[in-house]
């Protein structure tokens, strides 16, 4: 991978090398765009990140025990888009994996999203699929105007299941009651009356065979890409020459928080390795009860298929301060982002990209799709310019 020092990049600028693009952020958005610009258009790209590694939040590594873990919590790849799979498959092979999650509710470990097994296990019943539909319908509390995350769940399954599975978890995850959050937060979680216990139902569900970091390293292994890590954009912006900036960091940070800070939910992780081969039945167990300080425990060997006599875990603690992870979906935050977006539209020399750059929650495949779409717009614009220049060339006339 073509990692260089900032001093080397600065020396390149002094020697007359102007990068076509400076890309801030080496996660999915920045890395995919860097690869496409370099490999597809022959551009010279400088990719930087304030962390000491590429891969963004999807970064994984071997810990002290030799177990492959995700430093920033579990990242499960799933998509319905063949083109996304085809693109990423250029840089990795895959391990089939269907994600399953259990929730610790009362004395039970039950599938989440709620399904037929969940209902039967929680209430000691033997419902059929049709009976489960009637059961949920009898408990649902119709909400005429669904606006909040609380409205979504109560409208579907009623208050008791909402209290057991959703309210405490959401309050821990977001630091807000579901009644204070946009309906989009819980609308993403289905309720099933079948025994399908998969967390996702996408066509493609798998994990990079050697991990995400290996995939990123192959993606960025191109002579047209220089990478500077462990370096903040503010340190770089006046020290290297570049034609256009693609900013994948927080949009409000780029503008110096001049309109106020956009709220993000942050995460703190406690990583442990325990002296047993398996700790829990599935990769992730959720803990909805507010009496438990963490939201979930992840055991990575389920994700990776790695064989090892020990196992490694991550306890996840949402918090207010730290690296920004999740834009908080509330109307006032959307309004503030719209004001920053208006500023961005008046700053044509900068393109904002990714979850932080556009203040929106995206799955990994959606970020890849966003980066590929931006690349296509750039490539199409260059093609149009080239055609226009060609049309302006004088036509030689033979005498």
Protein backbone atom coordinates (compact mmCIF):
# COMPACT_ATOMS: atom_id res chain seq x y z
CA UNK A 1 0.00 0.00 0.00
CA UNK A 2 1.52 3.37 -1.07
CA UNK A 3 1.80 5.08 2.33
CA UNK A 4 4.05 8.13 2.46
CA UNK A 5 4.83 10.83 5.02
CA UNK A 6 3.32 14.30 4.98
CA UNK A 7 6.83 15.65 4.43
CA UNK A 8 7.08 13.54 1.28
CA UNK A 9 3.74 14.85 0.02
CA UNK A 10 4.86 18.39 0.80
CA UNK A 11 8.13 17.79 -1.09
CA UNK A 12 6.13 16.51 -4.06
CA UNK A 13 4.22 19.80 -4.10
CA UNK A 14 7.42 21.84 -3.94
CA UNK A 15 8.71 19.89 -6.93
CA UNK A 16 5.65 20.86 -8.94
CA UNK A 17 3.41 17.82 -8.41
CA UNK A 18 -0.16 18.96 -8.01
CA UNK A 19 -2.52 16.22 -6.92
CA UNK A 20 -5.70 16.07 -8.96
CA UNK A 21 -7.64 15.16 -5.83
CA UNK A 22 -7.09 15.42 -2.11
CA UNK A 23 -9.47 13.00 -0.40
CA UNK A 24 -10.00 13.33 3.35
CA UNK A 25 -11.03 10.06 5.00
CA UNK A 26 -9.78 6.57 4.11
CA UNK A 27 -12.97 4.65 4.88
CA UNK A 28 -15.24 3.14 2.27
CA UNK A 29 -16.25 6.43 0.64
CA UNK A 30 -12.77 7.89 0.30
CA UNK A 31 -10.98 4.66 -0.54
CA UNK A 32 -13.42 3.56 -3.24
CA UNK A 33 -13.33 6.98 -4.88
CA UNK A 34 -9.52 7.12 -4.69
CA UNK A 35 -9.21 3.72 -6.37
CA UNK A 36 -11.64 4.62 -9.13
CA UNK A 37 -10.07 8.01 -9.85
CA UNK A 38 -6.58 6.52 -10.02
CA UNK A 39 -7.38 3.28 -11.84
CA UNK A 40 -10.28 4.51 -13.97
CA UNK A 41 -9.19 8.03 -14.93
CA UNK A 42 -5.45 8.00 -14.29
CA UNK A 43 -5.74 10.72 -11.65
CA UNK A 44 -3.11 11.48 -9.05
CA UNK A 45 -4.73 11.20 -5.61
CA UNK A 46 -3.57 12.05 -2.10
CA UNK A 47 -5.68 10.16 0.46
CA UNK A 48 -5.35 11.19 4.11
CA UNK A 49 -6.84 10.05 7.42
CA UNK A 50 -6.45 11.26 11.00
CA UNK A 51 -6.34 7.66 12.18
CA UNK A 52 -3.24 5.51 11.85
CA UNK A 53 -4.90 3.05 9.47
CA UNK A 54 -7.09 2.81 6.38
CA UNK A 55 -10.55 1.25 6.39
CA UNK A 56 -12.36 3.74 8.61
CA UNK A 57 -14.74 2.11 11.07
CA UNK A 58 -14.51 -1.18 9.15
CA UNK A 59 -10.85 -1.60 10.15
CA UNK A 60 -10.00 -5.07 11.49
CA UNK A 61 -6.76 -6.55 12.78
CA UNK A 62 -5.23 -9.48 14.63
CA UNK A 63 -5.23 -8.74 18.35
CA UNK A 64 -2.61 -9.84 20.88
CA UNK A 65 -4.07 -13.36 20.89
CA UNK A 66 -3.98 -13.66 17.11
CA UNK A 67 -7.76 -13.34 16.74
CA UNK A 68 -9.17 -11.15 13.97
CA UNK A 69 -11.33 -8.44 15.56
CA UNK A 70 -13.11 -5.27 14.45
CA UNK A 71 -11.73 -2.33 16.40
CA UNK A 72 -14.89 -0.24 16.01
CA UNK A 73 -17.59 -2.84 16.48
CA UNK A 74 -19.03 -5.47 14.14
CA UNK A 75 -19.33 -4.70 10.43
CA UNK A 76 -21.52 -7.14 8.51
CA UNK A 77 -21.54 -6.87 4.73
CA UNK A 78 -24.94 -7.30 3.08
CA UNK A 79 -26.43 -5.91 -0.12
CA UNK A 80 -28.89 -6.54 -2.91
CA UNK A 81 -26.68 -4.79 -5.47
CA UNK A 82 -24.74 -7.09 -7.77
CA UNK A 83 -22.61 -4.18 -9.04
CA UNK A 84 -21.38 -3.46 -5.50
CA UNK A 85 -20.43 -7.11 -5.01
CA UNK A 86 -18.70 -7.21 -8.41
CA UNK A 87 -16.67 -4.11 -7.60
CA UNK A 88 -15.51 -5.21 -4.15
CA UNK A 89 -14.81 -8.74 -5.40
CA UNK A 90 -11.90 -7.28 -7.35
CA UNK A 91 -10.13 -6.86 -4.01
CA UNK A 92 -11.33 -9.77 -1.86
CA UNK A 93 -12.72 -13.26 -1.80
CA UNK A 94 -15.74 -13.86 0.41
CA UNK A 95 -16.88 -16.07 3.25
CA UNK A 96 -20.64 -16.77 3.28
CA UNK A 97 -22.18 -15.49 6.51
CA UNK A 98 -25.79 -14.83 7.56
CA UNK A 99 -26.01 -12.60 10.60
CA UNK A 100 -28.17 -13.66 13.55
CA UNK A 101 -28.74 -11.66 16.71
CA UNK A 102 -30.21 -12.67 20.06
CA UNK A 103 -31.64 -10.35 22.70
CA UNK A 104 -31.42 -10.94 26.44
CA UNK A 105 -35.00 -10.28 27.60
CA UNK A 106 -36.03 -11.33 31.10
CA UNK A 107 -34.48 -14.79 31.50
CA UNK A 108 -34.64 -15.55 27.77
CA UNK A 109 -32.24 -15.29 24.84
CA UNK A 110 -34.54 -14.60 21.91
CA UNK A 111 -34.13 -13.78 18.21
CA UNK A 112 -34.23 -10.15 17.16
CA UNK A 113 -35.86 -8.92 14.92
CA UNK A 114 -38.94 -10.34 16.65
CA UNK A 115 -40.17 -13.48 14.90
CA UNK A 116 -42.36 -16.53 15.63
CA UNK A 117 -39.63 -18.12 17.78
CA UNK A 118 -39.35 -14.91 19.81
CA UNK A 119 -43.06 -14.81 20.59
CA UNK A 120 -43.32 -18.48 21.46
CA UNK A 121 -40.20 -18.37 23.64
CA UNK A 122 -41.18 -15.20 25.48
CA UNK A 123 -44.76 -16.21 26.27
CA UNK A 124 -44.44 -20.02 26.40
CA UNK A 125 -46.78 -20.46 23.45
CA UNK A 126 -46.92 -22.68 20.36
CA UNK A 127 -48.32 -20.23 17.86
CA UNK A 128 -48.48 -20.92 14.14
CA UNK A 129 -47.58 -18.21 11.64
CA UNK A 130 -51.24 -17.22 11.18
CA UNK A 131 -51.84 -17.23 14.94
CA UNK A 132 -48.77 -15.03 15.44
CA UNK A 133 -50.19 -12.48 13.01
CA UNK A 134 -53.44 -12.41 14.99
CA UNK A 135 -51.50 -12.24 18.27
CA UNK A 136 -49.53 -9.17 17.18
CA UNK A 137 -52.60 -7.54 15.67
CA UNK A 138 -54.41 -7.92 19.00
CA UNK A 139 -51.57 -6.16 20.83
CA UNK A 140 -50.89 -3.41 18.29
CA UNK A 141 -51.98 0.10 19.25
CA UNK A 142 -52.79 1.94 15.99
CA UNK A 143 -51.19 5.37 15.67
CA UNK A 144 -52.92 7.65 13.17
CA UNK A 145 -49.93 9.92 12.50
CA UNK A 146 -46.65 7.98 12.75
CA UNK A 147 -43.83 10.43 13.37
CA UNK A 148 -41.51 8.95 15.98
CA UNK A 149 -39.68 5.68 16.54
CA UNK A 150 -42.04 4.93 19.41
CA UNK A 151 -45.04 5.38 17.09
CA UNK A 152 -43.62 2.88 14.60
CA UNK A 153 -43.17 0.06 17.09
CA UNK A 154 -46.33 0.53 19.14
CA UNK A 155 -48.37 0.73 15.95
CA UNK A 156 -46.97 -2.64 14.85
CA UNK A 157 -46.62 -4.72 18.02
CA UNK A 158 -47.97 -2.81 21.01
CA UNK A 159 -46.47 -1.34 24.15
CA UNK A 160 -45.37 -4.46 26.05
CA UNK A 161 -43.04 -5.75 23.31
CA UNK A 162 -41.91 -2.19 22.69
CA UNK A 163 -40.88 -1.85 26.34
CA UNK A 164 -39.12 -5.22 26.42
CA UNK A 165 -37.16 -5.05 23.18
CA UNK A 166 -36.93 -1.47 21.96
CA UNK A 167 -37.29 1.32 24.48
CA UNK A 168 -34.32 0.61 26.73
CA UNK A 169 -32.00 -0.33 23.88
CA UNK A 170 -32.91 2.81 21.94
CA UNK A 171 -32.48 5.04 24.98
CA UNK A 172 -28.98 3.62 25.53
CA UNK A 173 -28.06 3.70 21.85
CA UNK A 174 -29.17 7.26 21.15
CA UNK A 175 -29.30 8.90 24.56
CA UNK A 176 -32.90 9.82 23.74
CA UNK A 177 -36.29 8.23 24.24
CA UNK A 178 -37.76 6.70 21.06
CA UNK A 179 -40.55 9.27 21.31
CA UNK A 180 -37.88 11.91 20.62
CA UNK A 181 -36.38 10.20 17.55
CA UNK A 182 -37.44 10.22 13.93
CA UNK A 183 -39.45 7.21 12.78
CA UNK A 184 -36.59 6.10 10.50
CA UNK A 185 -34.64 4.65 13.45
CA UNK A 186 -37.01 1.76 14.17
CA UNK A 187 -38.62 1.57 10.72
CA UNK A 188 -35.50 -0.30 9.58
CA UNK A 189 -36.24 -3.20 11.95
CA UNK A 190 -38.89 -5.62 10.68
CA UNK A 191 -41.27 -7.81 12.67
CA UNK A 192 -41.78 -11.35 11.34
CA UNK A 193 -44.31 -14.05 12.03
CA UNK A 194 -42.14 -16.76 10.45
CA UNK A 195 -39.16 -18.55 12.01
CA UNK A 196 -36.69 -16.67 9.79
CA UNK A 197 -34.10 -15.51 12.34
CA UNK A 198 -31.69 -13.79 9.97
CA UNK A 199 -31.02 -10.17 10.87
CA UNK A 200 -30.79 -9.23 7.19
CA UNK A 201 -32.61 -10.70 4.22
CA UNK A 202 -30.41 -9.25 1.45
CA UNK A 203 -29.47 -11.41 -1.53
CA UNK A 204 -25.75 -11.14 -0.75
CA UNK A 205 -24.61 -11.71 2.85
CA UNK A 206 -20.92 -12.41 3.41
CA UNK A 207 -17.66 -11.31 4.99
CA UNK A 208 -14.31 -10.53 3.32
CA UNK A 209 -12.38 -13.79 3.57
CA UNK A 210 -9.19 -12.20 4.93
CA UNK A 211 -10.89 -9.26 6.59
CA UNK A 212 -11.76 -5.69 5.61
CA UNK A 213 -8.28 -4.25 6.07
CA UNK A 214 -6.75 -6.63 3.53
CA UNK A 215 -9.47 -5.63 1.10
CA UNK A 216 -8.72 -1.94 1.58
CA UNK A 217 -4.98 -2.48 1.19
CA UNK A 218 -5.50 -4.18 -2.16
CA UNK A 219 -7.96 -1.49 -3.24
CA UNK A 220 -5.45 1.27 -2.53
CA UNK A 221 -2.38 -0.47 -3.97
CA UNK A 222 -2.05 1.78 -7.01
CA UNK A 223 0.87 3.99 -8.13
CA UNK A 224 -1.51 6.92 -8.61
CA UNK A 225 -2.48 6.96 -4.92
CA UNK A 226 -0.37 8.41 -2.10
CA UNK A 227 -1.61 7.84 1.46
CA UNK A 228 -0.79 9.92 4.52
CA UNK A 229 -2.12 8.53 7.82
CA UNK A 230 -2.27 9.76 11.40
CA UNK A 231 -2.62 13.30 10.02
CA UNK A 232 -5.41 15.83 10.32
CA UNK A 233 -6.76 17.73 7.33
CA UNK A 234 -6.00 21.09 8.95
CA UNK A 235 -2.31 20.15 8.94
CA UNK A 236 -2.37 19.17 5.28
CA UNK A 237 -4.62 21.70 3.57
CA UNK A 238 -2.02 24.48 3.16
CA UNK A 239 1.01 22.25 2.69
CA UNK A 240 0.20 20.32 -0.48
CA UNK A 241 -1.07 21.35 -3.91
CA UNK A 242 -4.30 19.86 -5.20
CA UNK A 243 -7.00 20.71 -7.71
CA UNK A 244 -10.12 19.47 -5.92
CA UNK A 245 -11.00 18.39 -2.39
CA UNK A 246 -13.30 15.49 -1.50
CA UNK A 247 -14.18 15.71 2.18
CA UNK A 248 -15.51 12.60 3.94
CA UNK A 249 -15.27 14.02 7.45
CA UNK A 250 -18.04 15.82 9.36
CA UNK A 251 -19.41 18.63 7.20
CA UNK A 252 -19.85 20.94 10.20
CA UNK A 253 -16.21 20.44 11.15
CA UNK A 254 -15.06 21.52 7.70
CA UNK A 255 -16.92 24.80 8.13
CA UNK A 256 -15.52 25.33 11.62
CA UNK A 257 -18.92 24.63 13.25
CA UNK A 258 -19.88 28.16 12.18
CA UNK A 259 -23.59 27.35 12.33
CA UNK A 260 -23.32 25.16 15.42
CA UNK A 261 -22.35 21.54 15.95
CA UNK A 262 -24.27 18.76 14.28
CA UNK A 263 -25.09 16.15 16.95
CA UNK A 264 -23.59 12.68 16.59
CA UNK A 265 -23.87 9.60 18.77
CA UNK A 266 -20.48 8.21 19.74
CA UNK A 267 -19.31 4.78 20.86
CA UNK A 268 -16.86 3.43 23.40
CA UNK A 269 -15.62 -0.15 23.17
CA UNK A 270 -14.23 -2.59 25.73
CA UNK A 271 -12.30 -5.38 24.05
CA UNK A 272 -11.64 -8.63 25.93
CA UNK A 273 -10.16 -12.03 25.17
CA UNK A 274 -11.46 -14.91 27.28
CA UNK A 275 -10.04 -18.36 27.91
CA UNK A 276 -12.79 -20.39 26.26
CA UNK A 277 -13.48 -21.42 22.69
CA UNK A 278 -16.97 -19.93 22.45
CA UNK A 279 -18.68 -17.31 24.61
CA UNK A 280 -22.15 -16.98 23.08
CA UNK A 281 -24.31 -18.79 20.52
CA UNK A 282 -24.25 -16.06 17.87
CA UNK A 283 -22.00 -13.19 16.86
CA UNK A 284 -24.07 -10.49 18.59
CA UNK A 285 -26.25 -10.52 21.69
CA UNK A 286 -28.25 -7.37 22.46
CA UNK A 287 -29.04 -6.20 25.97
CA UNK A 288 -32.16 -3.98 25.87
CA UNK A 289 -32.46 -3.53 29.65
CA UNK A 290 -31.31 -0.12 30.85
CA UNK A 291 -29.87 -1.77 33.96
CA UNK A 292 -27.12 -3.20 31.72
CA UNK A 293 -24.68 -0.40 30.75
CA UNK A 294 -23.73 -1.78 27.31
CA UNK A 295 -26.00 -2.34 24.32
CA UNK A 296 -24.43 -5.49 22.90
CA UNK A 297 -21.60 -8.00 23.03
CA UNK A 298 -19.92 -9.15 19.82
CA UNK A 299 -17.94 -12.39 19.47
CA UNK A 300 -15.89 -12.14 16.28
CA UNK A 301 -15.12 -15.78 15.53
CA UNK A 302 -18.74 -16.25 14.47
CA UNK A 303 -18.17 -13.59 11.80
CA UNK A 304 -14.78 -14.73 10.58
CA UNK A 305 -15.01 -18.51 11.00
CA UNK A 306 -11.57 -18.44 12.62
CA UNK A 307 -10.57 -21.47 14.69
CA UNK A 308 -8.81 -20.60 17.95
CA UNK A 309 -8.82 -22.00 21.52
CA UNK A 310 -9.56 -18.49 22.87
CA UNK A 311 -12.25 -16.05 21.82
CA UNK A 312 -12.40 -12.25 21.67
CA UNK A 313 -15.34 -10.02 22.56
CA UNK A 314 -16.34 -6.38 22.33
CA UNK A 315 -18.72 -4.67 24.74
CA UNK A 316 -20.32 -1.60 23.16
CA UNK A 317 -21.16 1.55 25.14
CA UNK A 318 -22.88 4.42 23.31
CA UNK A 319 -21.85 7.82 24.63
CA UNK A 320 -21.98 11.55 23.92
CA UNK A 321 -18.30 12.31 23.37
CA UNK A 322 -15.68 10.84 21.06
CA UNK A 323 -15.42 10.02 17.38
CA UNK A 324 -18.70 10.70 15.55
CA UNK A 325 -20.48 7.49 14.49
CA UNK A 326 -24.20 8.06 13.98
CA UNK A 327 -25.95 11.25 12.85
CA UNK A 328 -28.89 11.70 15.23
CA UNK A 329 -32.14 11.72 13.22
CA UNK A 330 -34.24 14.55 14.58
CA UNK A 331 -35.99 17.34 12.63
CA UNK A 332 -33.90 20.13 14.14
CA UNK A 333 -30.70 18.28 13.19
CA UNK A 334 -31.91 17.82 9.62
CA UNK A 335 -32.65 21.54 9.48
CA UNK A 336 -29.14 22.40 10.69
CA UNK A 337 -27.60 20.03 8.15
CA UNK A 338 -29.65 21.68 5.39
CA UNK A 339 -28.01 25.00 6.29
CA UNK A 340 -24.56 23.41 6.08
CA UNK A 341 -25.52 21.79 2.77
CA UNK A 342 -26.42 25.26 1.45
CA UNK A 343 -22.92 26.40 2.43
CA UNK A 344 -21.45 23.38 0.65
CA UNK A 345 -23.31 24.24 -2.53
CA UNK A 346 -21.57 27.63 -2.46
CA UNK A 347 -18.19 25.87 -2.14
CA UNK A 348 -17.77 24.18 -5.55
CA UNK A 349 -14.11 23.41 -4.98
CA UNK A 350 -15.13 20.87 -2.31
CA UNK A 351 -17.30 17.75 -2.64
CA UNK A 352 -18.75 16.23 0.53
CA UNK A 353 -19.11 12.46 0.61
CA UNK A 354 -20.02 9.62 2.97
CA UNK A 355 -21.95 9.31 6.21
CA UNK A 356 -20.24 12.23 7.93
CA UNK A 357 -19.96 14.41 4.86
CA UNK A 358 -23.69 14.18 4.12
CA UNK A 359 -24.95 13.68 7.70
CA UNK A 360 -26.87 10.53 6.92
CA UNK A 361 -26.68 6.94 8.11
CA UNK A 362 -25.57 4.61 5.32
CA UNK A 363 -24.85 0.90 5.29
CA UNK A 364 -21.47 -0.04 3.86
CA UNK A 365 -22.85 -1.02 0.47
CA UNK A 366 -24.70 2.29 0.24
CA UNK A 367 -21.48 4.22 0.88
CA UNK A 368 -19.73 2.21 -1.84
CA UNK A 369 -22.63 2.98 -4.17
CA UNK A 370 -22.45 6.69 -3.33
CA UNK A 371 -18.71 6.77 -4.10
CA UNK A 372 -19.17 4.90 -7.37
CA UNK A 373 -21.97 7.26 -8.38
CA UNK A 374 -19.73 10.28 -7.71
CA UNK A 375 -16.98 8.70 -9.77
CA UNK A 376 -19.39 8.18 -12.67
CA UNK A 377 -20.43 11.84 -12.55
CA UNK A 378 -16.80 12.89 -12.64
CA UNK A 379 -15.97 10.51 -15.48
CA UNK A 380 -19.03 11.59 -17.49
CA UNK A 381 -18.19 15.28 -17.00
CA UNK A 382 -14.61 14.71 -18.18
CA UNK A 383 -15.88 12.80 -21.20
CA UNK A 384 -18.16 15.71 -22.11
CA UNK A 385 -15.30 18.19 -21.79
CA UNK A 386 -13.12 15.98 -23.94
CA UNK A 387 -15.79 15.73 -26.62
CA UNK A 388 -16.27 19.51 -26.58
CA UNK A 389 -12.54 20.11 -26.97
CA UNK A 390 -12.38 17.60 -29.81
CA UNK A 391 -15.26 19.35 -31.57
CA UNK A 392 -13.37 22.66 -31.38
CA UNK A 393 -10.30 21.28 -33.17
CA UNK A 394 -9.78 22.71 -36.71
CA UNK A 395 -10.59 20.33 -39.49
CA UNK A 396 -7.76 19.80 -42.00
CA UNK A 397 -8.92 20.40 -45.57
CA UNK A 398 -6.99 18.84 -48.41
CA UNK A 399 -6.27 21.07 -51.42
